[in-house]
Amino acid sequence: MTVRMGLVGAGPWATMFTGPMLAAGPDTTLAAVWARRPEAAAELGDRLRTPVAASFDALLESCDAVAFAVPPDVQAELAPLAVAAGRHLLLEKPLAFTVDAAERIAAAAEAAGVVTQLMLTNRWTDAVQTFLADVQAAGPRVLTAEFIGSGALAGSPFATPWRRQDMALHDVGKQVFDLVTAAAGPATVVHAHRAGAVTAVTLEHENGAVSHTALSITTPGAHGPMRCEAVTDTGRIVLTDPAAEDPVTVRERIAAGFAEAVAAGVSSALDVHHGVRLQRLLAAAAGR
């Protein structure tokens, strides 16, 4: 089954990642692009040789599923409309800026019975899959994770107001929180503190494990990668760099996984409800 995808957004991430991924096939085909900036949509449509929809409604008419590459508040507004039209969702993270908005997307998707999947790109890498399997089998006790980068400094295409406003929490926090909760299980935020360009968050997992995380996207000269080390009952386990893997292979896995879920009519574990759980962690960290 080849899933006809409609892409919402024509910014840097849509141009560099989501658009090329969906257009590459064979499991997906890019049926149309729509963006709030018509000139950006036209440019991306030309680049990907894809029709440009005149409106969001026109996009919905052309596709089986919608992929979002827009700010969280825009996704929160449009995703329920796509669900109401019966379209499956390939969602960016975080789902929204608030827990209430994220829960509205999840409730609409659940009621409509559509397939949902989060664009948690690192989860599709061999490095993360191996790390998670090893840590889960070994019995995690303490995890130390970080993403320290400079991607939202002035001059970067990702230096958007929403990314700079909370100093990395909503941008890279969900990736780090996803990693540590996948490794050690459900967690609650017990402490969060911003120190300059870095936000530090400590989480306590239901199994008694503890995770210490550090996040930044405005540290000059820093370029990641995401790091994580777990102290387990059998020793230390270190994550290898997921960014070192072939991006084409990672994109193929994401698209194929979504197409398989749509064909089966069953979402994977990385669905909208997982997105709501991550949203609650982000909200708790932001409130402390």
Protein backbone atom coordinates (compact mmCIF):
# COMPACT_ATOMS: atom_id res chain seq x y z
CA MET A 1 0.00 0.00 0.00
CA THR A 2 1.27 3.44 -0.94
CA VAL A 3 -0.07 6.19 1.30
CA ARG A 4 -0.92 9.52 -0.34
CA MET A 5 0.51 12.19 1.95
CA GLY A 6 -0.39 15.84 2.25
CA LEU A 7 2.37 18.00 3.73
CA VAL A 8 1.48 21.01 5.86
CA GLY A 9 4.37 23.45 6.09
CA ALA A 10 7.17 24.67 3.85
CA GLY A 11 9.80 25.81 6.34
CA PRO A 12 13.31 24.46 6.92
CA TRP A 13 12.27 21.09 8.41
CA ALA A 14 9.68 20.47 5.69
CA THR A 15 12.26 21.32 3.05
CA MET A 16 15.20 19.39 4.49
CA PHE A 17 13.52 16.34 5.99
CA THR A 18 9.77 15.71 5.89
CA GLY A 19 9.12 16.68 2.27
CA PRO A 20 11.99 14.67 0.74
CA MET A 21 11.14 11.71 2.99
CA LEU A 22 7.52 11.52 1.85
CA ALA A 23 8.34 12.16 -1.80
CA ALA A 24 11.00 9.44 -1.97
CA GLY A 25 8.56 6.51 -1.76
CA PRO A 26 7.92 3.69 -2.30
CA ASP A 27 5.66 3.44 0.74
CA THR A 28 4.48 7.03 0.54
CA THR A 29 3.83 9.50 -2.23
CA LEU A 30 3.61 13.25 -1.73
CA ALA A 31 0.21 14.23 -3.09
CA ALA A 32 0.28 17.94 -2.26
CA VAL A 33 1.91 20.66 -0.20
CA TRP A 34 0.14 23.49 1.60
CA ALA A 35 1.55 26.27 3.77
CA ARG A 36 0.30 29.52 5.23
CA ARG A 37 2.90 31.30 3.07
CA PRO A 38 1.89 30.55 -0.55
CA GLU A 39 5.26 31.60 -1.95
CA ALA A 40 7.08 29.13 0.32
CA ALA A 41 4.66 26.35 -0.63
CA ALA A 42 5.20 27.10 -4.32
CA GLU A 43 8.97 26.98 -3.92
CA LEU A 44 8.85 23.65 -2.09
CA GLY A 45 6.35 22.25 -4.57
CA ASP A 46 8.70 23.10 -7.42
CA ARG A 47 11.64 21.53 -5.64
CA LEU A 48 9.79 18.30 -4.91
CA ARG A 49 7.77 18.32 -8.16
CA THR A 50 4.60 18.19 -6.11
CA PRO A 51 1.26 19.99 -6.58
CA VAL A 52 0.55 22.90 -4.28
CA ALA A 53 -2.89 22.91 -2.67
CA ALA A 54 -4.80 26.18 -2.78
CA SER A 55 -6.15 25.68 0.75
CA PHE A 56 -5.94 23.34 3.70
CA ASP A 57 -9.30 21.86 2.72
CA ALA A 58 -7.99 21.22 -0.79
CA LEU A 59 -4.98 19.45 0.71
CA LEU A 60 -7.28 17.17 2.70
CA GLU A 61 -9.17 16.23 -0.43
CA SER A 62 -5.98 15.06 -2.13
CA CYS A 63 -4.55 12.71 0.49
CA ASP A 64 -4.99 9.74 2.81
CA ALA A 65 -2.83 11.18 5.60
CA VAL A 66 -1.40 14.51 6.67
CA ALA A 67 2.17 15.20 7.77
CA PHE A 68 2.85 18.35 9.77
CA ALA A 69 6.03 20.44 9.72
CA VAL A 70 4.75 23.59 11.42
CA PRO A 71 4.96 25.24 14.88
CA PRO A 72 3.14 23.37 17.65
CA ASP A 73 0.27 25.85 17.96
CA VAL A 74 -0.47 25.60 14.23
CA GLN A 75 -0.44 21.81 14.40
CA ALA A 76 -2.80 21.91 17.38
CA GLU A 77 -5.24 24.01 15.37
CA LEU A 78 -5.16 21.99 12.15
CA ALA A 79 -4.68 18.39 13.26
CA PRO A 80 -8.24 18.01 14.64
CA LEU A 81 -9.59 19.31 11.32
CA ALA A 82 -7.59 16.67 9.45
CA VAL A 83 -8.89 14.01 11.82
CA ALA A 84 -12.47 15.18 11.26
CA ALA A 85 -11.90 14.52 7.55
CA GLY A 86 -10.75 10.99 8.36
CA ARG A 87 -7.07 11.58 7.62
CA HIS A 88 -4.29 9.76 9.41
CA LEU A 89 -1.64 11.91 11.12
CA LEU A 90 2.15 12.03 10.98
CA LEU A 91 2.71 14.52 13.78
CA GLU A 92 5.59 16.75 14.77
CA LYS A 93 6.65 16.95 18.38
CA PRO A 94 5.68 18.50 20.65
CA LEU A 95 2.04 18.11 19.73
CA ALA A 96 1.15 21.58 20.99
CA PHE A 97 2.19 24.23 23.50
CA THR A 98 -0.26 23.09 26.19
CA VAL A 99 -1.45 19.79 27.60
CA ASP A 100 -5.09 20.71 26.90
CA ALA A 101 -4.37 21.29 23.21
CA ALA A 102 -2.41 18.04 22.96
CA GLU A 103 -5.24 16.14 24.62
CA ARG A 104 -7.72 17.59 22.13
CA ILE A 105 -5.70 16.17 19.23
CA ALA A 106 -5.53 12.78 20.96
CA ALA A 107 -9.24 12.72 21.76
CA ALA A 108 -10.17 13.62 18.18
CA ALA A 109 -7.84 10.96 16.76
CA GLU A 110 -9.17 8.33 19.15
CA ALA A 111 -12.79 9.14 18.30
CA ALA A 112 -12.10 9.00 14.56
CA GLY A 113 -10.05 5.81 14.75
CA VAL A 114 -7.22 7.19 12.63
CA VAL A 115 -3.59 6.12 12.78
CA THR A 116 -1.14 8.53 14.40
CA GLN A 117 2.64 8.58 14.59
CA LEU A 118 5.13 11.02 16.10
CA MET A 119 8.21 12.17 14.18
CA LEU A 120 10.62 11.00 16.87
CA THR A 121 13.42 10.52 14.37
CA ASN A 122 16.00 9.15 16.81
CA ARG A 123 13.76 6.21 17.67
CA TRP A 124 14.27 4.87 14.15
CA THR A 125 18.05 4.72 14.43
CA ASP A 126 20.02 1.56 15.18
CA ALA A 127 21.91 3.44 17.91
CA VAL A 128 18.80 4.26 19.95
CA GLN A 129 17.11 0.90 19.37
CA THR A 130 20.23 -0.93 20.55
CA PHE A 131 20.69 1.37 23.54
CA LEU A 132 17.10 0.94 24.68
CA ALA A 133 17.18 -2.83 24.37
CA ASP A 134 20.45 -3.06 26.31
CA VAL A 135 19.36 -0.68 29.09
CA GLN A 136 15.94 -2.28 29.54
CA ALA A 137 17.51 -5.73 29.81
CA ALA A 138 20.20 -4.58 32.26
CA GLY A 139 17.97 -2.80 34.80
CA PRO A 140 18.46 0.99 34.70
CA ARG A 141 19.22 2.90 37.90
CA VAL A 142 20.53 6.33 36.90
CA LEU A 143 20.54 7.95 33.46
CA THR A 144 22.40 11.09 32.43
CA ALA A 145 21.23 12.60 29.15
CA GLU A 146 21.86 15.84 27.33
CA PHE A 147 21.36 17.73 24.12
CA ILE A 148 23.51 20.86 24.02
CA GLY A 149 23.44 22.73 20.72
CA SER A 150 23.41 26.13 19.08
CA GLY A 151 20.63 25.58 16.53
CA ALA A 152 18.44 28.47 17.73
CA LEU A 153 21.12 31.15 17.78
CA ALA A 154 20.57 34.17 15.53
CA GLY A 155 21.28 33.35 11.91
CA SER A 156 20.05 29.77 12.06
CA PRO A 157 16.94 28.84 10.04
CA PHE A 158 15.65 27.27 13.25
CA ALA A 159 15.98 30.45 15.33
CA THR A 160 12.20 30.80 15.47
CA PRO A 161 10.43 32.64 18.31
CA TRP A 162 8.80 29.52 19.77
CA ARG A 163 12.12 27.66 19.94
CA ARG A 164 13.97 30.56 21.58
CA GLN A 165 11.20 31.39 24.03
CA ASP A 166 11.63 28.43 26.37
CA MET A 167 15.35 27.87 25.77
CA ALA A 168 15.17 24.32 24.31
CA LEU A 169 12.53 22.67 26.48
CA HIS A 170 9.93 22.24 23.74
CA ASP A 171 12.48 21.84 20.95
CA VAL A 172 14.86 19.12 22.16
CA GLY A 173 13.32 18.33 25.54
CA LYS A 174 10.77 15.96 24.08
CA GLN A 175 13.52 13.93 22.36
CA VAL A 176 15.54 13.59 25.56
CA PHE A 177 12.46 12.87 27.69
CA ASP A 178 11.34 10.28 25.16
CA LEU A 179 14.72 8.55 25.34
CA VAL A 180 14.96 8.33 29.12
CA THR A 181 11.34 7.25 29.61
CA ALA A 182 11.68 4.63 26.90
CA ALA A 183 14.79 3.34 28.66
CA ALA A 184 13.62 3.47 32.28
CA GLY A 185 9.83 3.70 32.12
CA PRO A 186 7.22 6.33 33.05
CA ALA A 187 8.46 9.29 35.08
CA THR A 188 7.55 12.49 36.81
CA VAL A 189 9.51 15.73 36.93
CA VAL A 190 10.94 16.40 40.37
CA HIS A 191 13.15 19.39 39.64
CA ALA A 192 13.80 21.81 36.78
CA HIS A 193 16.04 24.85 36.69
CA ARG A 194 17.30 27.18 33.99
CA ALA A 195 20.91 28.33 34.28
CA GLY A 196 21.85 30.71 31.51
CA ALA A 197 21.31 28.95 28.18
CA VAL A 198 20.86 25.53 29.78
CA THR A 199 17.75 23.96 31.28
CA ALA A 200 18.40 21.09 33.69
CA VAL A 201 15.59 18.67 34.54
CA THR A 202 15.57 15.72 36.93
CA LEU A 203 12.99 12.98 36.52
CA GLU A 204 12.07 10.14 38.86
CA HIS A 205 10.84 6.96 37.19
CA GLU A 206 8.12 4.73 38.59
CA ASN A 207 10.64 1.88 38.99
CA GLY A 208 12.85 4.04 41.21
CA ALA A 209 15.39 5.03 38.57
CA VAL A 210 16.46 8.68 38.24
CA SER A 211 17.30 10.66 35.10
CA HIS A 212 19.32 13.87 35.02
CA THR A 213 18.95 15.83 31.77
CA ALA A 214 20.48 19.01 30.34
CA LEU A 215 19.05 20.90 27.37
CA SER A 216 20.21 23.86 25.31
CA ILE A 217 19.84 25.13 21.76
CA THR A 218 21.59 28.47 22.28
CA THR A 219 25.04 27.47 23.50
CA PRO A 220 27.65 29.00 21.14
CA GLY A 221 29.88 26.46 19.43
CA ALA A 222 27.89 23.45 20.63
CA HIS A 223 26.43 21.09 18.05
CA GLY A 224 25.18 18.13 20.06
CA PRO A 225 24.91 15.24 19.53
CA MET A 226 22.32 13.84 21.90
CA ARG A 227 24.18 11.94 24.60
CA CYS A 228 23.00 9.45 27.16
CA GLU A 229 24.67 7.12 29.63
CA ALA A 230 22.88 4.64 31.85
CA VAL A 231 24.17 3.13 35.06
CA THR A 232 22.52 -0.28 35.31
CA ASP A 233 22.68 -3.36 37.51
CA THR A 234 25.24 -4.83 35.11
CA GLY A 235 27.36 -1.73 34.46
CA ARG A 236 27.43 1.40 32.32
CA ILE A 237 25.80 1.59 28.89
CA VAL A 238 26.55 4.50 26.57
CA LEU A 239 24.46 5.66 23.62
CA THR A 240 26.37 5.94 20.36
CA ASP A 241 25.67 9.02 18.26
CA PRO A 242 22.32 8.55 16.45
CA ALA A 243 23.08 11.54 14.21
CA ALA A 244 25.97 9.62 12.66
CA GLU A 245 23.63 7.22 10.88
CA ASP A 246 22.58 7.56 7.25
CA PRO A 247 19.67 10.04 7.19
CA VAL A 248 18.22 8.46 4.06
CA THR A 249 17.90 5.11 5.85
CA VAL A 250 16.27 6.76 8.86
CA ARG A 251 13.77 8.57 6.64
CA GLU A 252 12.93 5.33 4.84
CA ARG A 253 12.23 3.59 8.14
CA ILE A 254 9.95 6.37 9.37
CA ALA A 255 7.91 6.47 6.16
CA ALA A 256 7.71 2.69 5.91
CA GLY A 257 6.67 2.37 9.55
CA PHE A 258 3.89 4.88 9.09
CA ALA A 259 2.66 3.23 5.88
CA GLU A 260 2.62 -0.17 7.61
CA ALA A 261 0.61 1.26 10.50
CA VAL A 262 -1.90 2.84 8.11
CA ALA A 263 -2.24 -0.42 6.18
CA ALA A 264 -2.84 -2.34 9.41
CA GLY A 265 -5.09 0.36 10.86
CA VAL A 266 -3.16 0.25 14.14
CA SER A 267 -0.85 2.95 15.51
CA SER A 268 2.58 2.08 16.87
CA ALA A 269 3.68 2.86 20.42
CA LEU A 270 4.95 6.22 19.16
CA ASP A 271 1.42 7.54 18.73
CA VAL A 272 -0.49 10.64 19.75
CA HIS A 273 -1.04 9.29 23.27
CA HIS A 274 2.71 8.99 23.74
CA GLY A 275 2.89 12.58 22.55
CA VAL A 276 0.45 13.62 25.31
CA ARG A 277 2.61 11.90 27.92
CA LEU A 278 5.65 13.82 26.70
CA GLN A 279 3.59 17.03 26.71
CA ARG A 280 2.78 16.52 30.38
CA LEU A 281 6.46 16.17 31.20
CA LEU A 282 7.26 19.35 29.27
CA ALA A 283 4.50 21.23 31.09
CA ALA A 284 5.71 19.97 34.46
CA ALA A 285 9.29 21.01 33.71
CA ALA A 286 8.19 24.44 32.49
CA GLY A 287 6.16 25.00 35.65
CA ARG A 288 8.97 24.30 38.09
